Amino acid sequence: MAELVTPKLNHETHLLLDQPLLRLPHELSRNHFKSAQQQIDLAQKKVNESVQSGTKAAAAASSSNDPSQASTAAISSLDQAITRLQTLKRKLSTLNNSTVQLQRQSAARIRHLDEMYQIPTLVDVKYEEWSKIRLDRLLVDYLLRMGYTKSARKLAAEKDIEALVDVDEFEAVGRIETSLSSKHQVDQALAWCAENKQNLKKMENNNLEFELRLQQHIELCRNGHMRGDYKKLDEARLHASKYFKTHPDQDWKNRASGLLVIPPTTHMDPYHDLYSPSRWAYLSRLFLSTHHEMYSLPRRPLLHMALEAGLSALKTPACHSKDISPSSGYNNTSHSHSQNRGAFSPTNASDIDGIMSSTESANNLNSMTTSVCPICSTELNELSRHLPFGHHSKSHTEHDPVVLPNGRIYGRERLERLNEKIGTQKGYVKDPVDTTNVYQWSEVKKVFIS
């Protein structure tokens, strides 16, 4: 008797999809540590300056034999130092609270991944439970990336996975994205650039801050030209001289300078594009891509990445053909897609058999069989459009395969049984998927696998 082989769980493969789970809190913790270090260094420098200034003022007052002035100078310098230290304490307290929260998240996520490593096989009941939690995580991640923050937060709370998702971070990112795309404001994005200045410097070919400053320059030029306000144009000129000097591309700087003399009503490229409202959408996308690159996050939802592996395995050359079935959600109506899919799909016959046993209406058979294909569904059709076809190293064929004149292949025994259920006239055969096609049995040819 053959021994039953249980499929082992490849933990490393699963971990590829879960890398962002640990990466984001780790990177945020690093940023908090660096920010705290910078705040301490800056406060220390300012406090030392205040103390030294007070000491010099007190010494000067003492030499002039004015004790009250010396005391006032010393007290003033100490008050400044105390104020700076209190401000530092408040900032460090905020950073500490955020860091503690990130550490709790990291601990919960490590435990979650460790649970996966305790599961030996795919048939283990614990694997199903762990997979459900991961699916909930992927759904929350998708909702956050699509801007449904309230729904994401509610789902995370309902499934008790707040520590496994990054709702707060994506919510903050969403506010900045909205300020760019909807409110047409760059202040929040520039503040984010200032907070992450050191990290942005380390990123190659990053021009987010330059593009944001350019947008400020564009708006100043727009207002100056439209209102005839030369003060705005002078302000734009000063703005350009202050922020654009360090840009490495001279052509980029020349285009920015050209805005000073070219009005927004122009149709000349590239100034027409620079004045276009679509630049705000570009800035929004640029901010998101910069943020995700900084924290090593995938630009696409993790749910899409997980789905694509399965969709690629199911995809056949018949999918996304020129003529798509009505059930796919597209207007082009043809049954050629369903015909081709049966010719290429070895499992199609069993689907047909199941459908025939569950319905008495042969007229609805075509739409039902095409709708069982996930690639052709309205929800997944576009997602799977650019995926490669599945690679099948083994082929599975029915016994005694035959081919109909329309190119569809079935096992002869199954084809006879299905036609009996349909009630086909003796001596004739119908295609079970498209019962409008009727052929004589003499037209059916035997197929040989080569």
Protein backbone atom coordinates (compact mmCIF):
# COMPACT_ATOMS: atom_id res chain seq x y z
CA MET A 1 0.00 0.00 0.00
CA ALA A 2 1.43 3.37 -1.02
CA GLU A 3 2.32 5.72 1.79
CA LEU A 4 0.35 8.97 1.88
CA VAL A 5 2.69 11.93 1.44
CA THR A 6 1.63 15.14 3.20
CA PRO A 7 2.77 18.39 1.53
CA LYS A 8 5.32 20.22 3.66
CA LEU A 9 5.01 23.91 4.38
CA ASN A 10 7.78 25.98 2.79
CA HIS A 11 8.25 28.63 5.45
CA GLU A 12 10.82 30.68 3.53
CA THR A 13 8.52 31.04 0.53
CA HIS A 14 5.69 32.27 2.73
CA LEU A 15 8.03 34.71 4.42
CA LEU A 16 8.69 36.49 1.09
CA LEU A 17 5.18 37.91 1.17
CA ASP A 18 5.48 38.93 4.83
CA GLN A 19 8.73 40.90 4.72
CA PRO A 20 6.99 44.30 5.07
CA LEU A 21 5.38 42.98 8.25
CA LEU A 22 8.63 43.49 10.19
CA ARG A 23 10.36 46.01 7.96
CA LEU A 24 8.08 49.02 8.47
CA PRO A 25 8.09 49.10 12.31
CA HIS A 26 11.84 48.51 12.27
CA GLU A 27 12.45 51.44 9.91
CA LEU A 28 10.10 53.69 11.86
CA SER A 29 11.89 52.81 15.11
CA ARG A 30 15.21 53.69 13.49
CA ASN A 31 13.82 57.04 12.38
CA HIS A 32 12.53 57.76 15.88
CA PHE A 33 15.93 56.95 17.37
CA LYS A 34 17.71 59.24 14.90
CA SER A 35 15.18 62.00 15.49
CA ALA A 36 15.65 61.72 19.25
CA GLN A 37 19.40 61.85 18.83
CA GLN A 38 19.14 64.99 16.69
CA GLN A 39 16.79 66.63 19.19
CA ILE A 40 19.17 65.89 22.06
CA ASP A 41 22.20 67.23 20.17
CA LEU A 42 20.35 70.39 19.16
CA ALA A 43 18.99 71.01 22.67
CA GLN A 44 22.41 70.40 24.20
CA LYS A 45 23.96 72.94 21.84
CA LYS A 46 21.29 75.57 22.55
CA VAL A 47 21.43 75.02 26.32
CA ASN A 48 25.20 75.39 26.34
CA GLU A 49 24.89 78.60 24.33
CA SER A 50 22.29 79.96 26.76
CA VAL A 51 24.41 79.11 29.79
CA GLN A 52 27.54 80.60 28.26
CA SER A 53 25.63 83.74 27.24
CA GLY A 54 24.21 84.10 30.74
CA THR A 55 27.60 83.55 32.33
CA LYS A 56 29.18 86.26 30.19
CA ALA A 57 26.32 88.66 30.91
CA ALA A 58 26.54 87.99 34.63
CA ALA A 59 30.31 88.45 34.60
CA ALA A 60 29.98 91.75 32.74
CA ALA A 61 27.33 92.94 35.19
CA SER A 62 29.49 91.91 38.16
CA SER A 63 32.45 93.87 36.83
CA SER A 64 30.25 96.95 36.66
CA ASN A 65 29.34 96.48 40.35
CA ASP A 66 25.65 95.88 39.56
CA PRO A 67 24.60 92.68 41.41
CA SER A 68 20.92 92.98 40.42
CA GLN A 69 21.77 93.09 36.71
CA ALA A 70 24.10 90.11 37.08
CA SER A 71 21.38 88.16 38.87
CA THR A 72 18.81 89.04 36.19
CA ALA A 73 21.14 87.95 33.37
CA ALA A 74 21.92 84.65 35.08
CA ILE A 75 18.25 83.92 35.79
CA SER A 76 17.25 84.77 32.21
CA SER A 77 19.82 82.40 30.73
CA LEU A 78 18.77 79.64 33.11
CA ASP A 79 15.10 80.18 32.21
CA GLN A 80 15.95 79.81 28.52
CA ALA A 81 17.89 76.63 29.23
CA ILE A 82 15.04 75.19 31.31
CA THR A 83 12.49 76.04 28.60
CA ARG A 84 14.56 74.27 25.97
CA LEU A 85 14.99 71.22 28.20
CA GLN A 86 11.24 71.08 28.88
CA THR A 87 10.58 71.24 25.14
CA LEU A 88 13.11 68.45 24.63
CA LYS A 89 11.41 66.36 27.31
CA ARG A 90 8.02 66.79 25.63
CA LYS A 91 9.39 65.79 22.21
CA LEU A 92 11.28 62.79 23.62
CA SER A 93 8.19 61.67 25.52
CA THR A 94 6.16 61.68 22.29
CA LEU A 95 8.88 59.75 20.45
CA ASN A 96 9.16 57.29 23.32
CA ASN A 97 5.43 56.55 23.30
CA SER A 98 5.54 55.93 19.56
CA THR A 99 8.62 53.72 19.91
CA VAL A 100 7.01 51.64 22.66
CA GLN A 101 3.98 51.11 20.41
CA LEU A 102 6.24 50.05 17.53
CA GLN A 103 8.08 47.62 19.79
CA ARG A 104 4.78 46.03 20.81
CA GLN A 105 3.83 45.71 17.16
CA SER A 106 7.17 44.12 16.31
CA ALA A 107 6.83 41.62 19.17
CA ALA A 108 3.30 40.67 18.07
CA ARG A 109 4.44 40.24 14.46
CA ILE A 110 7.40 38.09 15.43
CA ARG A 111 5.05 35.86 17.43
CA HIS A 112 2.71 35.68 14.42
CA LEU A 113 5.53 34.57 12.11
CA ASP A 114 6.90 32.19 14.72
CA GLU A 115 3.51 30.46 14.78
CA MET A 116 3.95 29.74 11.08
CA TYR A 117 7.32 28.08 11.74
CA GLN A 118 5.61 25.76 14.22
CA ILE A 119 3.34 24.42 11.45
CA PRO A 120 4.98 21.47 9.65
CA THR A 121 2.52 20.72 6.82
CA LEU A 122 -0.14 22.39 4.70
CA VAL A 123 -2.83 20.00 5.95
CA ASP A 124 -2.35 21.08 9.56
CA VAL A 125 -5.45 22.72 11.04
CA LYS A 126 -3.26 25.47 12.48
CA TYR A 127 -2.14 26.43 8.98
CA GLU A 128 -5.72 27.18 7.97
CA GLU A 129 -6.16 29.37 11.05
CA TRP A 130 -2.86 31.17 10.39
CA SER A 131 -3.78 31.69 6.73
CA LYS A 132 -7.08 33.30 7.70
CA ILE A 133 -5.20 35.82 9.84
CA ARG A 134 -2.85 36.56 6.97
CA LEU A 135 -5.79 37.03 4.60
CA ASP A 136 -7.29 39.54 7.04
CA ARG A 137 -3.95 41.36 7.09
CA LEU A 138 -3.84 41.48 3.30
CA LEU A 139 -7.39 42.81 3.16
CA VAL A 140 -6.58 45.57 5.65
CA ASP A 141 -3.45 46.44 3.67
CA TYR A 142 -5.53 46.65 0.48
CA LEU A 143 -8.16 48.88 2.10
CA LEU A 144 -5.48 51.20 3.46
CA ARG A 145 -3.79 51.55 0.08
CA MET A 146 -7.13 52.23 -1.61
CA GLY A 147 -7.93 54.99 0.90
CA TYR A 148 -10.64 53.19 2.90
CA THR A 149 -9.01 53.96 6.24
CA LYS A 150 -12.14 53.76 8.39
CA SER A 151 -13.11 50.39 6.94
CA ALA A 152 -9.55 49.13 7.41
CA ARG A 153 -9.47 50.24 11.04
CA LYS A 154 -12.86 48.65 11.72
CA LEU A 155 -11.84 45.35 10.10
CA ALA A 156 -8.55 45.29 12.05
CA ALA A 157 -10.41 45.87 15.32
CA GLU A 158 -13.04 43.25 14.51
CA LYS A 159 -10.40 40.62 13.69
CA ASP A 160 -8.15 41.74 16.60
CA ILE A 161 -5.11 42.28 14.39
CA GLU A 162 -4.34 45.95 15.11
CA ALA A 163 -0.77 45.04 16.05
CA LEU A 164 -0.26 43.23 12.73
CA VAL A 165 -1.26 46.10 10.44
CA ASP A 166 0.02 49.66 9.93
CA VAL A 167 -3.19 51.66 10.06
CA ASP A 168 -1.67 54.75 11.73
CA GLU A 169 1.22 55.04 9.27
CA PHE A 170 -0.96 54.61 6.19
CA GLU A 171 -3.50 57.03 7.65
CA ALA A 172 -0.78 59.67 8.00
CA VAL A 173 0.41 58.94 4.47
CA GLY A 174 -3.18 59.18 3.23
CA ARG A 175 -3.58 62.65 4.73
CA ILE A 176 -0.51 63.90 2.88
CA GLU A 177 -1.65 62.24 -0.34
CA THR A 178 -5.07 63.87 -0.04
CA SER A 179 -3.52 67.27 0.67
CA LEU A 180 -1.69 66.96 -2.65
CA SER A 181 -4.29 65.35 -4.89
CA SER A 182 -7.47 67.01 -3.57
CA LYS A 183 -6.53 70.11 -1.59
CA HIS A 184 -3.61 71.11 -3.85
CA GLN A 185 -1.37 71.94 -0.89
CA VAL A 186 2.30 71.06 -0.48
CA ASP A 187 2.86 72.13 3.14
CA GLN A 188 2.30 68.70 4.71
CA ALA A 189 4.45 66.97 2.10
CA LEU A 190 7.27 69.47 2.62
CA ALA A 191 7.05 68.96 6.39
CA TRP A 192 7.37 65.21 5.80
CA CYS A 193 10.45 65.85 3.63
CA ALA A 194 11.98 67.93 6.42
CA GLU A 195 11.40 65.15 8.96
CA ASN A 196 12.99 62.57 6.65
CA LYS A 197 15.69 64.79 5.18
CA GLN A 198 18.58 62.44 5.95
CA ASN A 199 16.79 59.40 4.53
CA LEU A 200 15.88 61.28 1.36
CA LYS A 201 19.52 62.23 0.82
CA LYS A 202 20.48 58.55 0.84
CA MET A 203 17.95 57.69 -1.87
CA GLU A 204 19.31 57.82 -5.40
CA ASN A 205 17.70 60.16 -7.93
CA ASN A 206 15.11 61.34 -5.45
CA ASN A 207 13.54 64.63 -6.51
CA LEU A 208 10.39 64.80 -4.39
CA GLU A 209 11.33 67.98 -2.53
CA PHE A 210 12.49 69.68 -5.75
CA GLU A 211 9.18 68.85 -7.43
CA LEU A 212 7.23 70.18 -4.45
CA ARG A 213 9.25 73.39 -4.48
CA LEU A 214 8.68 73.63 -8.22
CA GLN A 215 4.93 73.40 -7.63
CA GLN A 216 5.18 76.31 -5.19
CA HIS A 217 7.06 78.21 -7.89
CA ILE A 218 4.38 77.33 -10.47
CA GLU A 219 1.58 78.62 -8.24
CA LEU A 220 3.43 81.89 -7.60
CA CYS A 221 3.94 82.36 -11.34
CA ARG A 222 0.32 81.44 -12.06
CA ASN A 223 -1.00 84.00 -9.57
CA GLY A 224 1.44 86.63 -10.81
CA HIS A 225 0.44 86.24 -14.46
CA MET A 226 -3.31 85.85 -13.91
CA ARG A 227 -3.62 88.80 -11.53
CA GLY A 228 -0.92 90.96 -13.03
CA ASP A 229 0.79 90.93 -9.64
CA TYR A 230 4.48 91.56 -10.22
CA LYS A 231 5.19 91.09 -6.52
CA LYS A 232 4.22 87.43 -6.91
CA LEU A 233 6.64 87.09 -9.83
CA ASP A 234 9.40 88.70 -7.77
CA GLU A 235 8.57 86.29 -4.97
CA ALA A 236 8.75 83.40 -7.44
CA ARG A 237 12.15 84.63 -8.64
CA LEU A 238 13.48 84.70 -5.07
CA HIS A 239 11.94 81.29 -4.42
CA ALA A 240 13.72 79.82 -7.44
CA SER A 241 17.08 81.31 -6.50
CA LYS A 242 16.74 79.89 -2.98
CA TYR A 243 15.63 76.33 -3.69
CA PHE A 244 16.70 75.43 -7.23
CA LYS A 245 20.44 76.15 -7.08
CA THR A 246 21.38 72.62 -6.03
CA HIS A 247 19.33 70.82 -8.68
CA PRO A 248 21.76 68.89 -10.94
CA ASP A 249 19.77 69.30 -14.18
CA GLN A 250 20.29 72.67 -15.88
CA ASP A 251 17.42 72.05 -18.33
CA TRP A 252 15.09 71.53 -15.38
CA LYS A 253 16.18 74.88 -13.91
CA ASN A 254 15.76 76.58 -17.29
CA ARG A 255 12.18 75.32 -17.58
CA ALA A 256 11.44 76.61 -14.08
CA SER A 257 12.88 80.01 -14.99
CA GLY A 258 10.79 80.11 -18.17
CA LEU A 259 7.63 80.11 -16.07
CA LEU A 260 8.46 83.67 -15.01
CA VAL A 261 7.74 84.96 -18.52
CA ILE A 262 5.29 82.37 -19.91
CA PRO A 263 1.65 82.66 -18.71
CA PRO A 264 -0.55 79.65 -17.77
CA THR A 265 -2.72 80.19 -20.86
CA THR A 266 0.06 78.91 -23.12
CA HIS A 267 -0.22 75.71 -25.14
CA MET A 268 3.53 75.43 -25.56
CA ASP A 269 5.25 72.34 -24.18
CA PRO A 270 6.52 71.74 -21.54
CA TYR A 271 4.92 74.78 -19.88
CA HIS A 272 1.39 73.69 -20.69
CA ASP A 273 2.07 70.45 -18.78
CA LEU A 274 3.70 72.30 -15.88
CA TYR A 275 0.65 74.53 -15.45
CA SER A 276 -1.73 71.59 -15.87
CA PRO A 277 -3.81 70.53 -12.81
CA SER A 278 -2.75 66.94 -13.52
CA ARG A 279 0.61 67.76 -11.92
CA TRP A 280 -1.05 67.41 -8.52
CA ALA A 281 -1.88 63.78 -9.26
CA TYR A 282 1.72 63.30 -10.37
CA LEU A 283 3.00 64.78 -7.09
CA SER A 284 0.66 62.51 -5.14
CA ARG A 285 1.99 59.41 -6.93
CA LEU A 286 5.57 60.62 -6.52
CA PHE A 287 5.09 61.05 -2.77
CA LEU A 288 3.63 57.56 -2.40
CA SER A 289 6.41 55.93 -4.41
CA THR A 290 9.05 57.83 -2.40
CA HIS A 291 7.48 56.81 0.91
CA HIS A 292 7.21 53.15 -0.08
CA GLU A 293 10.77 53.10 -1.41
CA MET A 294 12.11 54.67 1.77
CA TYR A 295 10.47 52.02 3.95
CA SER A 296 11.04 49.16 1.48
CA LEU A 297 7.31 48.64 0.97
CA PRO A 298 5.90 47.16 -2.23
CA ARG A 299 4.16 49.73 -4.40
CA ARG A 300 1.28 47.39 -5.14
CA PRO A 301 -1.13 45.85 -2.61
CA LEU A 302 0.10 42.60 -1.09
CA LEU A 303 -3.30 41.10 -1.88
CA HIS A 304 -2.62 41.52 -5.60
CA MET A 305 0.75 39.83 -5.25
CA ALA A 306 -0.81 36.87 -3.46
CA LEU A 307 -3.61 36.57 -6.02
CA GLU A 308 -1.35 36.77 -9.04
CA ALA A 309 0.51 33.57 -8.18
CA GLY A 310 -2.72 31.57 -8.29
CA LEU A 311 -4.14 33.44 -11.27
CA SER A 312 -1.03 32.77 -13.33
CA ALA A 313 -1.31 29.05 -12.61
CA LEU A 314 -4.92 29.06 -13.88
CA LYS A 315 -4.40 31.27 -16.92
CA THR A 316 -4.56 29.61 -20.36
CA PRO A 317 -4.03 30.98 -23.90
CA ALA A 318 -7.82 31.24 -24.24
CA CYS A 319 -8.00 33.82 -21.45
CA HIS A 320 -8.06 37.46 -22.59
CA SER A 321 -8.74 36.39 -26.15
CA LYS A 322 -10.07 38.98 -28.59
CA ASP A 323 -13.67 37.91 -28.00
CA ILE A 324 -14.63 37.75 -24.33
CA SER A 325 -17.70 36.09 -22.93
CA PRO A 326 -20.59 38.18 -21.58
CA SER A 327 -20.02 36.85 -18.06
CA SER A 328 -16.59 38.46 -17.98
CA GLY A 329 -18.18 41.88 -17.68
CA TYR A 330 -17.17 43.14 -21.15
CA ASN A 331 -19.43 44.16 -24.03
CA ASN A 332 -17.86 41.98 -26.72
CA THR A 333 -20.06 38.89 -26.91
CA SER A 334 -18.81 35.71 -28.46
CA HIS A 335 -18.67 32.05 -27.55
CA SER A 336 -15.25 31.53 -29.12
CA HIS A 337 -13.58 32.11 -25.75
CA SER A 338 -15.50 29.29 -24.14
CA GLN A 339 -14.79 27.05 -27.09
CA ASN A 340 -11.07 27.67 -26.96
CA ARG A 341 -10.90 27.29 -23.22
CA GLY A 342 -12.36 23.81 -23.40
CA ALA A 343 -9.82 22.83 -26.02
CA PHE A 344 -6.92 23.94 -23.86
CA SER A 345 -8.20 23.18 -20.38
CA PRO A 346 -7.93 19.52 -19.29
CA THR A 347 -10.24 20.05 -16.33
CA ASN A 348 -13.06 21.63 -18.31
CA ALA A 349 -14.89 18.37 -18.93
CA SER A 350 -15.36 17.63 -15.25
CA ASP A 351 -16.75 21.14 -14.76
CA ILE A 352 -19.26 20.52 -17.54
CA ASP A 353 -20.28 17.20 -16.03
CA GLY A 354 -20.97 18.87 -12.72
CA ILE A 355 -22.96 21.64 -14.36
CA MET A 356 -25.04 19.18 -16.37
CA SER A 357 -25.94 17.26 -13.24
CA SER A 358 -27.02 20.43 -11.42
CA THR A 359 -29.25 22.05 -14.07
CA GLU A 360 -31.84 21.02 -16.61
CA SER A 361 -31.46 24.11 -18.78
CA ALA A 362 -29.00 23.61 -21.63
CA ASN A 363 -29.50 27.20 -22.75
CA ASN A 364 -27.85 28.59 -19.59
CA LEU A 365 -24.90 26.21 -19.81
CA ASN A 366 -22.63 28.54 -21.80
CA SER A 367 -22.82 31.46 -19.37
CA MET A 368 -22.41 29.16 -16.37
CA THR A 369 -19.26 27.48 -17.64
CA THR A 370 -17.57 30.73 -18.64
CA SER A 371 -18.36 32.28 -15.27
CA VAL A 372 -16.50 29.56 -13.36
CA CYS A 373 -13.21 30.81 -14.81
CA PRO A 374 -11.70 33.28 -12.29
CA ILE A 375 -9.50 34.82 -14.99
CA CYS A 376 -12.62 35.81 -16.95
CA SER A 377 -14.48 37.21 -13.95
CA THR A 378 -15.17 40.93 -13.83
CA GLU A 379 -13.23 41.33 -10.58
CA LEU A 380 -9.99 39.61 -11.64
CA ASN A 381 -9.97 40.05 -15.41
CA GLU A 382 -7.87 43.21 -15.52
CA LEU A 383 -5.54 42.09 -12.71
CA SER A 384 -4.59 38.94 -14.61
CA ARG A 385 -4.29 40.56 -18.04
CA HIS A 386 -0.49 40.93 -18.02
CA LEU A 387 0.31 37.72 -16.16
CA PRO A 388 2.12 34.84 -17.89
CA PHE A 389 0.31 31.63 -18.76
CA GLY A 390 0.45 28.75 -16.33
CA HIS A 391 3.24 26.24 -16.91
CA HIS A 392 1.85 22.70 -16.71
CA SER A 393 4.63 20.12 -16.69
CA LYS A 394 2.13 17.24 -16.84
CA SER A 395 -0.93 16.81 -19.04
CA HIS A 396 -4.05 14.96 -17.98
CA THR A 397 -6.33 13.64 -20.73
CA GLU A 398 -9.50 11.63 -20.65
CA HIS A 399 -9.69 8.12 -21.99
CA ASP A 400 -10.37 7.87 -25.75
CA PRO A 401 -10.32 11.62 -26.53
CA VAL A 402 -12.19 12.91 -29.59
CA VAL A 403 -12.35 16.34 -31.22
CA LEU A 404 -15.47 18.09 -32.48
CA PRO A 405 -15.38 20.11 -35.73
CA ASN A 406 -15.23 23.31 -33.64
CA GLY A 407 -11.95 22.18 -32.07
CA ARG A 408 -13.16 21.26 -28.59
CA ILE A 409 -11.82 18.01 -27.16
CA TYR A 410 -13.72 15.60 -24.89
CA GLY A 411 -13.49 12.01 -23.80
CA ARG A 412 -15.84 9.95 -26.00
CA GLU A 413 -17.54 8.23 -23.08
CA ARG A 414 -18.18 11.50 -21.28
CA LEU A 415 -19.40 13.17 -24.48
CA GLU A 416 -21.91 10.37 -25.06
CA ARG A 417 -23.16 10.59 -21.48
CA LEU A 418 -23.60 14.35 -21.65
CA ASN A 419 -25.50 14.14 -24.94
CA GLU A 420 -27.85 11.58 -23.40
CA LYS A 421 -28.63 14.09 -20.65
CA ILE A 422 -29.21 16.85 -23.20
CA GLY A 423 -31.48 14.58 -25.25
CA THR A 424 -29.59 14.83 -28.53
CA GLN A 425 -31.11 13.05 -31.54
CA LYS A 426 -29.57 9.67 -32.25
CA GLY A 427 -26.69 9.86 -34.70
CA TYR A 428 -25.92 13.47 -33.80
CA VAL A 429 -23.77 15.10 -31.15
CA LYS A 430 -23.95 18.53 -29.54
CA ASP A 431 -21.14 20.51 -28.00
CA PRO A 432 -22.12 20.51 -24.28
CA VAL A 433 -20.79 24.03 -23.85
CA ASP A 434 -22.52 25.48 -26.92
CA THR A 435 -25.58 23.37 -27.66
CA THR A 436 -26.38 25.38 -30.81
CA ASN A 437 -23.60 23.48 -32.58
CA VAL A 438 -24.92 20.10 -33.76
CA TYR A 439 -22.72 17.63 -35.65
CA GLN A 440 -23.00 14.12 -36.97
CA TRP A 441 -20.99 11.48 -35.14
CA SER A 442 -19.19 10.80 -38.41
CA GLU A 443 -17.67 14.28 -38.17
CA VAL A 444 -16.13 13.54 -34.78
CA LYS A 445 -12.46 12.58 -35.08
CA LYS A 446 -10.32 10.54 -32.73
CA VAL A 447 -7.40 12.41 -31.17
CA PHE A 448 -3.93 10.96 -30.69
CA ILE A 449 -1.47 12.57 -28.28
CA SER A 450 1.88 13.17 -29.96
